[in-house]
């Protein structure tokens, strides 16, 4: 059943549109910088869970036109460390009821994910992760090569390929969702609650008074704010540079691609860290393929032939049935990567400015979970328990949450 809208909620004034396109007000209680999935989810849960609606979501381009429009839609929670498992499992549980919460279709499909093992060390790491997941109440199992074939009959498990499949971890509840629909659903609900979603509004600076930031300077005028959340993904460090905050982030292009439309042949999601490729099949029929981040730093939202070539070679080796499929298009997103491959969420040296960044290649799957937790953090002033371990100060204390093994490929 669709959850009731918060008190004072209303439908858009123009029902032919999903949300309004308002002029920015001079002041808001909370300003969220970044109109992607995380920013929109935070706005929704501020209204839904806390009744806070004097909120503006500022997007420098079009709504959800950054990484939210360029990701590869995989949703899972089978992370190694307790801290990661908690936030991603919280997100997955929210995903499982999100269509009812938003009252909007998101095409959430729990088809499971296989993380392939190609070496003895892969097997050891995989079995360790399965046991860690089970201790955290997360569905996970180890499957042998023949079981991999049963779950995904088109995977090549023969022993004469460069990286033979020796087994895999399997999370049955993992899946995919339609990324655009997710963003539109969150935006529709936030707008109905009275939150302003302001597009074509780039933040160019901040107004600072001592240890507080009193507002943001934008291409559409200055906006005063009581609290500010930075949710700009790969561009977060450009914002923190304006504030003189040093963040341990590097921005990298992350490429992905889709094939022409095919008949349904790929029933699950298959990831290979050793081969740096993963493949799923979208609802319309196209294959969605991702790999690791580009090694260089940059802000390019485009593909590159040498990355495409290596991904295609790996995909065809794992899935010979796709050898004659045609590539339809490629693109790139901009991911922000921290030294321990885990997010940075919480306080900054400014008492009313909060960070949400460093998600690397895992931002989409966390969308409802981080929206929930960041909304709680903004409402209470204290980090939610699920994001408390991911504060900026961990790079001083050394309490890192090293998830490099879980972030080997784009996911």
Protein backbone atom coordinates (compact mmCIF):
# COMPACT_ATOMS: atom_id res chain seq x y z
CA UNK A 1 0.00 0.00 0.00
CA UNK A 2 1.31 3.48 -0.82
CA UNK A 3 2.32 5.40 2.30
CA UNK A 4 0.36 8.54 3.12
CA UNK A 5 1.98 11.85 2.18
CA UNK A 6 3.27 13.99 5.06
CA UNK A 7 1.00 16.66 6.59
CA UNK A 8 0.52 19.60 4.26
CA UNK A 9 1.49 17.59 1.19
CA UNK A 10 -0.12 18.51 -2.09
CA UNK A 11 -0.14 17.37 -5.67
CA UNK A 12 1.78 19.38 -8.28
CA UNK A 13 -0.13 22.41 -9.46
CA UNK A 14 0.26 21.23 -13.05
CA UNK A 15 -0.62 17.53 -13.13
CA UNK A 16 0.82 17.12 -16.61
CA UNK A 17 4.25 17.41 -14.98
CA UNK A 18 5.67 15.20 -12.22
CA UNK A 19 7.06 18.17 -10.30
CA UNK A 20 7.08 21.98 -10.34
CA UNK A 21 9.94 24.08 -11.68
CA UNK A 22 9.88 26.92 -9.12
CA UNK A 23 11.96 30.05 -8.78
CA UNK A 24 14.31 29.78 -5.77
CA UNK A 25 13.28 31.54 -2.58
CA UNK A 26 15.72 33.78 -0.73
CA UNK A 27 16.07 31.45 2.23
CA UNK A 28 15.47 27.81 3.21
CA UNK A 29 15.89 25.79 6.35
CA UNK A 30 17.89 23.18 4.43
CA UNK A 31 19.65 23.42 1.06
CA UNK A 32 20.75 20.19 -0.62
CA UNK A 33 23.39 20.68 -3.30
CA UNK A 34 22.96 17.98 -5.94
CA UNK A 35 19.70 16.87 -7.57
CA UNK A 36 20.64 13.25 -8.16
CA UNK A 37 19.38 10.16 -6.39
CA UNK A 38 20.98 10.93 -3.04
CA UNK A 39 19.84 14.53 -2.92
CA UNK A 40 16.28 13.67 -3.95
CA UNK A 41 16.06 10.73 -1.55
CA UNK A 42 17.29 12.92 1.30
CA UNK A 43 14.62 15.50 0.48
CA UNK A 44 11.91 12.83 0.40
CA UNK A 45 12.86 11.37 3.78
CA UNK A 46 13.19 14.82 5.36
CA UNK A 47 9.52 15.32 4.55
CA UNK A 48 8.34 11.76 5.10
CA UNK A 49 10.19 10.94 8.33
CA UNK A 50 10.70 14.35 9.93
CA UNK A 51 8.05 16.67 8.52
CA UNK A 52 10.74 19.09 7.27
CA UNK A 53 9.68 20.67 3.97
CA UNK A 54 11.36 24.09 3.90
CA UNK A 55 13.98 22.50 1.68
CA UNK A 56 15.57 23.28 -1.69
CA UNK A 57 17.36 20.75 -3.89
CA UNK A 58 19.76 22.58 -6.21
CA UNK A 59 20.86 20.91 -9.44
CA UNK A 60 23.33 22.60 -11.78
CA UNK A 61 21.96 20.78 -14.83
CA UNK A 62 18.76 18.82 -15.26
CA UNK A 63 17.27 16.72 -12.50
CA UNK A 64 19.18 13.44 -12.01
CA UNK A 65 21.25 14.13 -15.13
CA UNK A 66 24.62 13.30 -13.57
CA UNK A 67 25.63 9.88 -12.25
CA UNK A 68 22.00 8.96 -11.60
CA UNK A 69 21.41 9.00 -15.36
CA UNK A 70 24.70 7.25 -16.12
CA UNK A 71 24.91 4.36 -13.67
CA UNK A 72 24.37 0.68 -14.31
CA UNK A 73 21.56 0.09 -11.76
CA UNK A 74 22.91 -2.86 -9.75
CA UNK A 75 21.53 -3.15 -6.20
CA UNK A 76 23.11 -5.47 -3.61
CA UNK A 77 24.24 -5.51 0.02
CA UNK A 78 26.84 -8.30 0.19
CA UNK A 79 29.70 -6.14 1.47
CA UNK A 80 32.47 -7.51 3.69
CA UNK A 81 32.71 -5.18 6.66
CA UNK A 82 29.98 -4.74 9.27
CA UNK A 83 29.79 -0.98 8.74
CA UNK A 84 29.23 -1.33 4.98
CA UNK A 85 26.84 -4.24 5.36
CA UNK A 86 24.58 -2.24 7.69
CA UNK A 87 24.09 0.76 5.40
CA UNK A 88 23.72 -1.27 2.21
CA UNK A 89 21.35 -3.81 3.81
CA UNK A 90 19.29 -0.93 5.18
CA UNK A 91 19.13 0.41 1.64
CA UNK A 92 18.17 -2.97 0.16
CA UNK A 93 15.31 -3.36 2.63
CA UNK A 94 14.06 0.09 1.63
CA UNK A 95 14.38 -0.86 -2.05
CA UNK A 96 12.10 -3.83 -1.39
CA UNK A 97 9.26 -1.50 -0.36
CA UNK A 98 10.16 1.57 -2.38
CA UNK A 99 7.48 1.32 -5.08
CA UNK A 100 4.78 1.35 -2.39
CA UNK A 101 6.47 4.19 -0.51
CA UNK A 102 6.81 6.39 -3.59
CA UNK A 103 3.57 5.33 -5.23
CA UNK A 104 5.51 5.12 -8.47
CA UNK A 105 6.87 2.21 -10.54
CA UNK A 106 10.65 1.74 -10.39
CA UNK A 107 10.86 -1.71 -12.09
CA UNK A 108 12.75 -3.21 -9.13
CA UNK A 109 13.70 -6.76 -10.11
CA UNK A 110 15.40 -9.06 -7.56
CA UNK A 111 17.20 -11.45 -9.88
CA UNK A 112 20.33 -12.14 -7.78
CA UNK A 113 24.02 -11.41 -8.33
CA UNK A 114 26.92 -13.79 -8.91
CA UNK A 115 30.45 -12.60 -8.03
CA UNK A 116 32.72 -15.01 -9.87
CA UNK A 117 35.91 -16.52 -8.45
CA UNK A 118 38.78 -17.26 -10.84
CA UNK A 119 41.64 -18.17 -8.46
CA UNK A 120 42.22 -19.84 -5.11
CA UNK A 121 42.52 -16.42 -3.50
CA UNK A 122 39.18 -15.41 -5.05
CA UNK A 123 37.65 -18.52 -3.46
CA UNK A 124 39.10 -17.70 -0.04
CA UNK A 125 37.90 -14.10 -0.27
CA UNK A 126 34.48 -15.14 -1.50
CA UNK A 127 33.87 -17.73 1.22
CA UNK A 128 35.05 -15.21 3.83
CA UNK A 129 32.58 -12.63 2.52
CA UNK A 130 29.72 -15.14 2.50
CA UNK A 131 30.35 -15.99 6.15
CA UNK A 132 30.63 -12.30 7.08
CA UNK A 133 27.34 -11.59 5.28
CA UNK A 134 25.57 -14.41 7.12
CA UNK A 135 26.79 -13.08 10.47
CA UNK A 136 25.13 -9.78 9.53
CA UNK A 137 21.86 -11.45 8.54
CA UNK A 138 22.40 -10.90 4.82
CA UNK A 139 21.43 -13.59 2.34
CA UNK A 140 24.59 -15.03 0.83
CA UNK A 141 25.86 -18.39 -0.32
CA UNK A 142 28.83 -19.97 -2.03
CA UNK A 143 28.06 -21.84 -5.27
CA UNK A 144 30.25 -24.22 -7.26
CA UNK A 145 30.72 -23.91 -11.05
CA UNK A 146 27.86 -26.28 -11.93
CA UNK A 147 25.55 -24.28 -9.67
CA UNK A 148 26.73 -21.12 -11.45
CA UNK A 149 25.63 -22.72 -14.71
CA UNK A 150 22.20 -23.56 -13.27
CA UNK A 151 21.70 -19.97 -12.11
CA UNK A 152 22.98 -18.50 -15.37
CA UNK A 153 23.15 -21.12 -18.14
CA UNK A 154 24.93 -18.82 -20.62
CA UNK A 155 28.08 -18.36 -18.47
CA UNK A 156 31.13 -20.15 -19.87
CA UNK A 157 32.43 -22.43 -17.09
CA UNK A 158 34.80 -24.47 -19.25
CA UNK A 159 38.35 -24.91 -17.95
CA UNK A 160 40.14 -23.77 -21.09
CA UNK A 161 39.53 -20.03 -20.84
CA UNK A 162 41.97 -17.45 -19.52
CA UNK A 163 40.10 -17.02 -16.21
CA UNK A 164 38.18 -20.27 -15.53
CA UNK A 165 35.16 -20.00 -13.24
CA UNK A 166 35.95 -21.79 -9.97
CA UNK A 167 32.75 -20.79 -8.18
CA UNK A 168 30.96 -17.66 -7.07
CA UNK A 169 29.27 -15.88 -4.21
CA UNK A 170 25.54 -15.46 -4.73
CA UNK A 171 23.07 -13.01 -3.20
CA UNK A 172 19.53 -13.93 -4.30
CA UNK A 173 17.91 -10.65 -3.13
CA UNK A 174 20.17 -8.47 -5.26
CA UNK A 175 18.71 -6.90 -8.37
CA UNK A 176 18.25 -3.89 -10.60
CA UNK A 177 15.83 -0.96 -10.89
CA UNK A 178 15.06 1.63 -13.55
CA UNK A 179 17.30 4.52 -12.49
CA UNK A 180 15.29 7.31 -14.16
CA UNK A 181 12.06 6.07 -12.60
CA UNK A 182 13.70 6.01 -9.17
CA UNK A 183 14.75 9.65 -9.50
CA UNK A 184 11.34 10.70 -10.83
CA UNK A 185 9.57 8.88 -8.00
CA UNK A 186 11.62 10.61 -5.32
CA UNK A 187 11.27 13.99 -7.04
CA UNK A 188 7.50 13.60 -7.39
CA UNK A 189 7.04 12.82 -3.70
CA UNK A 190 9.40 15.58 -2.52
CA UNK A 191 7.64 18.13 -4.71
CA UNK A 192 4.22 17.02 -3.47
CA UNK A 193 5.45 17.66 0.08
CA UNK A 194 6.31 21.26 -0.84
CA UNK A 195 10.06 20.89 -1.37
CA UNK A 196 11.53 23.05 -4.16
CA UNK A 197 13.53 21.24 -6.83
CA UNK A 198 15.52 23.91 -8.65
CA UNK A 199 17.25 22.94 -11.90
CA UNK A 200 19.86 24.91 -13.86
CA UNK A 201 21.11 26.29 -10.56
CA UNK A 202 24.88 25.85 -10.16
CA UNK A 203 26.52 26.67 -6.84
CA UNK A 204 29.41 29.08 -7.48
CA UNK A 205 30.37 29.93 -3.92
CA UNK A 206 29.38 30.13 -0.26
CA UNK A 207 28.69 32.90 2.24
CA UNK A 208 30.69 32.17 5.40
CA UNK A 209 30.41 33.71 8.85
CA UNK A 210 32.96 32.21 11.23
CA UNK A 211 32.30 28.51 11.67
CA UNK A 212 28.95 28.66 9.88
CA UNK A 213 28.01 28.85 6.24
CA UNK A 214 25.08 31.23 5.96
CA UNK A 215 24.16 30.55 2.36
CA UNK A 216 25.09 29.52 -1.16
CA UNK A 217 25.84 31.69 -4.15
CA UNK A 218 24.33 30.31 -7.34
CA UNK A 219 23.81 31.18 -10.98
CA UNK A 220 20.23 32.01 -10.00
CA UNK A 221 21.08 34.29 -7.09
CA UNK A 222 22.14 33.99 -3.46
CA UNK A 223 20.19 31.64 -1.20
CA UNK A 224 20.43 31.70 2.59
CA UNK A 225 20.39 28.36 4.38
CA UNK A 226 20.19 27.08 7.93
CA UNK A 227 21.84 23.78 7.05
CA UNK A 228 23.58 22.61 3.89
CA UNK A 229 24.16 19.09 2.57
CA UNK A 230 26.69 18.51 -0.20
CA UNK A 231 25.51 15.61 -2.40
CA UNK A 232 27.33 16.35 -5.66
CA UNK A 233 29.14 13.02 -6.17
CA UNK A 234 32.16 13.47 -8.46
CA UNK A 235 32.00 17.25 -8.17
CA UNK A 236 31.94 17.33 -4.36
CA UNK A 237 35.62 18.23 -4.07
CA UNK A 238 35.07 21.31 -6.24
CA UNK A 239 32.52 22.49 -3.66
CA UNK A 240 34.65 21.67 -0.63
CA UNK A 241 37.58 23.50 -2.26
CA UNK A 242 35.42 26.65 -2.22
CA UNK A 243 35.02 26.18 1.53
CA UNK A 244 38.67 25.44 2.18
CA UNK A 245 37.86 21.88 3.32
CA UNK A 246 40.40 19.28 2.26
CA UNK A 247 38.62 16.07 1.32
CA UNK A 248 40.53 12.88 0.43
CA UNK A 249 38.68 12.35 -2.84
CA UNK A 250 39.72 11.63 -6.39
CA UNK A 251 37.28 11.92 -9.28
CA UNK A 252 37.55 9.36 -12.07
CA UNK A 253 35.55 8.70 -15.21
CA UNK A 254 33.58 5.45 -15.05
CA UNK A 255 32.47 3.96 -18.34
CA UNK A 256 29.55 1.74 -19.18
CA UNK A 257 27.73 0.59 -22.27
CA UNK A 258 24.63 -1.14 -23.56
CA UNK A 259 24.00 -3.49 -26.47
CA UNK A 260 21.18 -3.60 -28.96
CA UNK A 261 17.89 -5.08 -27.75
CA UNK A 262 17.98 -8.87 -27.35
CA UNK A 263 15.52 -11.55 -26.34
CA UNK A 264 15.59 -12.38 -22.59
CA UNK A 265 18.57 -14.72 -22.18
CA UNK A 266 20.44 -13.44 -19.11
CA UNK A 267 18.47 -14.19 -15.93
CA UNK A 268 20.74 -12.72 -13.27
CA UNK A 269 23.71 -10.35 -12.79
CA UNK A 270 27.24 -11.66 -13.24
CA UNK A 271 30.31 -9.81 -11.95
CA UNK A 272 33.98 -10.67 -12.39
CA UNK A 273 36.57 -8.64 -10.51
CA UNK A 274 39.49 -10.43 -12.16
CA UNK A 275 38.16 -9.80 -15.67
CA UNK A 276 36.90 -6.30 -14.79
CA UNK A 277 33.47 -6.69 -16.28
CA UNK A 278 29.92 -7.25 -15.19
CA UNK A 279 26.82 -7.88 -17.27
CA UNK A 280 23.08 -7.75 -16.64
CA UNK A 281 20.12 -7.56 -18.99
CA UNK A 282 17.78 -4.60 -18.66
CA UNK A 283 14.00 -4.78 -18.80
CA UNK A 284 13.80 -3.79 -22.47
CA UNK A 285 16.40 -6.39 -23.45
CA UNK A 286 19.68 -4.54 -23.81
CA UNK A 287 22.80 -5.89 -22.09
CA UNK A 288 24.18 -3.43 -19.53
CA UNK A 289 27.93 -3.72 -19.04
CA UNK A 290 30.34 -2.03 -16.66
CA UNK A 291 33.98 -2.33 -15.62
CA UNK A 292 36.46 -0.69 -13.29
CA UNK A 293 37.07 3.05 -13.11
CA UNK A 294 39.47 4.71 -15.53
CA UNK A 295 42.90 5.00 -13.91
CA UNK A 296 43.30 8.71 -14.59
CA UNK A 297 41.54 11.57 -12.81
CA UNK A 298 39.03 13.54 -14.84
CA UNK A 299 35.51 14.81 -15.32
CA UNK A 300 34.77 13.38 -18.76
CA UNK A 301 31.31 11.87 -19.29
CA UNK A 302 32.20 9.84 -22.33
CA UNK A 303 33.46 6.43 -23.40
CA UNK A 304 36.90 5.49 -24.75
CA UNK A 305 37.70 2.78 -27.27
CA UNK A 306 40.45 1.00 -25.31
CA UNK A 307 38.13 0.56 -22.31
CA UNK A 308 35.30 -0.62 -24.56
CA UNK A 309 37.60 -3.11 -26.27
CA UNK A 310 38.82 -4.70 -23.03
CA UNK A 311 35.29 -4.91 -21.61
CA UNK A 312 33.97 -6.55 -24.76
CA UNK A 313 36.79 -9.10 -24.78
CA UNK A 314 36.02 -10.06 -21.18
CA UNK A 315 32.27 -10.16 -21.75
CA UNK A 316 32.56 -12.37 -24.83
CA UNK A 317 34.90 -14.75 -23.01
CA UNK A 318 32.40 -15.18 -20.20
CA UNK A 319 29.35 -15.14 -22.50
CA UNK A 320 30.22 -16.59 -25.93
CA UNK A 321 26.53 -16.33 -26.88
CA UNK A 322 26.98 -12.54 -27.10
CA UNK A 323 29.83 -12.67 -29.63
CA UNK A 324 27.71 -11.27 -32.48
CA UNK A 325 25.73 -8.75 -30.43
CA UNK A 326 26.07 -5.14 -31.50
CA UNK A 327 27.10 -2.35 -29.14
CA UNK A 328 24.49 0.41 -29.09
CA UNK A 329 26.06 3.22 -27.04
CA UNK A 330 28.67 4.03 -24.40
CA UNK A 331 28.87 6.75 -21.76
CA UNK A 332 30.74 7.79 -18.65
CA UNK A 333 29.92 9.03 -15.17
CA UNK A 334 32.17 10.79 -12.67
CA UNK A 335 32.80 8.85 -9.47
CA UNK A 336 34.36 10.21 -6.30
CA UNK A 337 36.68 7.68 -4.68
CA UNK A 338 38.05 7.83 -1.14
CA UNK A 339 41.28 6.14 0.05
CA UNK A 340 39.42 3.21 1.64
CA UNK A 341 36.75 2.93 -1.11
CA UNK A 342 34.01 3.78 1.40
CA UNK A 343 31.76 6.84 1.58
CA UNK A 344 32.29 10.01 3.59
CA UNK A 345 29.14 11.11 5.39
CA UNK A 346 28.57 13.54 8.24
CA UNK A 347 30.00 16.66 9.78
CA UNK A 348 32.53 19.11 8.38
CA UNK A 349 34.56 21.83 10.13
CA UNK A 350 31.54 24.10 9.54
CA UNK A 351 28.88 23.30 12.11
CA UNK A 352 25.95 23.46 9.68
CA UNK A 353 27.50 21.85 6.58
CA UNK A 354 27.29 18.08 6.01
CA UNK A 355 29.07 15.86 3.52
CA UNK A 356 27.73 12.94 1.52
CA UNK A 357 30.36 11.79 -0.95
CA UNK A 358 33.00 9.17 -1.71
CA UNK A 359 30.53 6.47 -2.77
CA UNK A 360 32.69 5.62 -5.79
CA UNK A 361 30.89 3.03 -7.89
CA UNK A 362 28.36 2.10 -5.18
CA UNK A 363 26.17 5.18 -5.00
CA UNK A 364 23.05 4.00 -6.81
CA UNK A 365 22.44 0.93 -4.67
CA UNK A 366 22.71 3.06 -1.53
CA UNK A 367 20.17 5.66 -2.71
CA UNK A 368 17.23 5.08 -0.33
CA UNK A 369 19.48 4.08 2.56
CA UNK A 370 21.68 7.16 2.48
CA UNK A 371 18.66 9.37 1.84
CA UNK A 372 17.06 8.00 5.02
CA UNK A 373 20.25 8.33 7.12
CA UNK A 374 21.30 11.75 5.81
CA UNK A 375 17.80 13.12 6.39
CA UNK A 376 18.00 11.87 9.97
CA UNK A 377 21.45 13.45 10.37
CA UNK A 378 20.23 16.81 9.05
CA UNK A 379 17.12 16.72 11.20
CA UNK A 380 18.85 15.82 14.46
CA UNK A 381 22.31 17.30 13.96
CA UNK A 382 23.89 13.97 14.90
CA UNK A 383 25.10 11.28 12.46
CA UNK A 384 22.68 8.39 12.08
CA UNK A 385 24.15 5.19 13.53
CA UNK A 386 24.53 3.62 10.07
CA UNK A 387 26.68 6.49 8.76
CA UNK A 388 28.56 7.35 11.96
CA UNK A 389 31.55 5.09 11.00
CA UNK A 390 31.98 7.01 7.72
CA UNK A 391 32.89 10.42 9.10
CA UNK A 392 35.64 12.55 7.62
CA UNK A 393 37.67 12.22 10.83
CA UNK A 394 38.41 8.53 10.18
CA UNK A 395 41.24 9.59 7.90
CA UNK A 396 42.85 11.18 10.97
CA UNK A 397 42.05 8.45 13.51
CA UNK A 398 42.86 5.60 11.10
CA UNK A 399 39.51 3.84 11.64
CA UNK A 400 39.16 3.03 7.93
CA UNK A 401 36.52 0.80 6.35
CA UNK A 402 38.50 -0.76 3.52
CA UNK A 403 36.09 -2.04 0.84
CA UNK A 404 38.49 -2.15 -2.12
CA UNK A 405 37.68 -5.80 -2.69
CA UNK A 406 33.98 -5.01 -3.05
CA UNK A 407 34.62 -2.15 -5.49
CA UNK A 408 36.73 -3.97 -8.07
CA UNK A 409 34.26 -3.36 -10.85
CA UNK A 410 31.52 -0.81 -11.44
CA UNK A 411 28.47 -1.97 -9.53
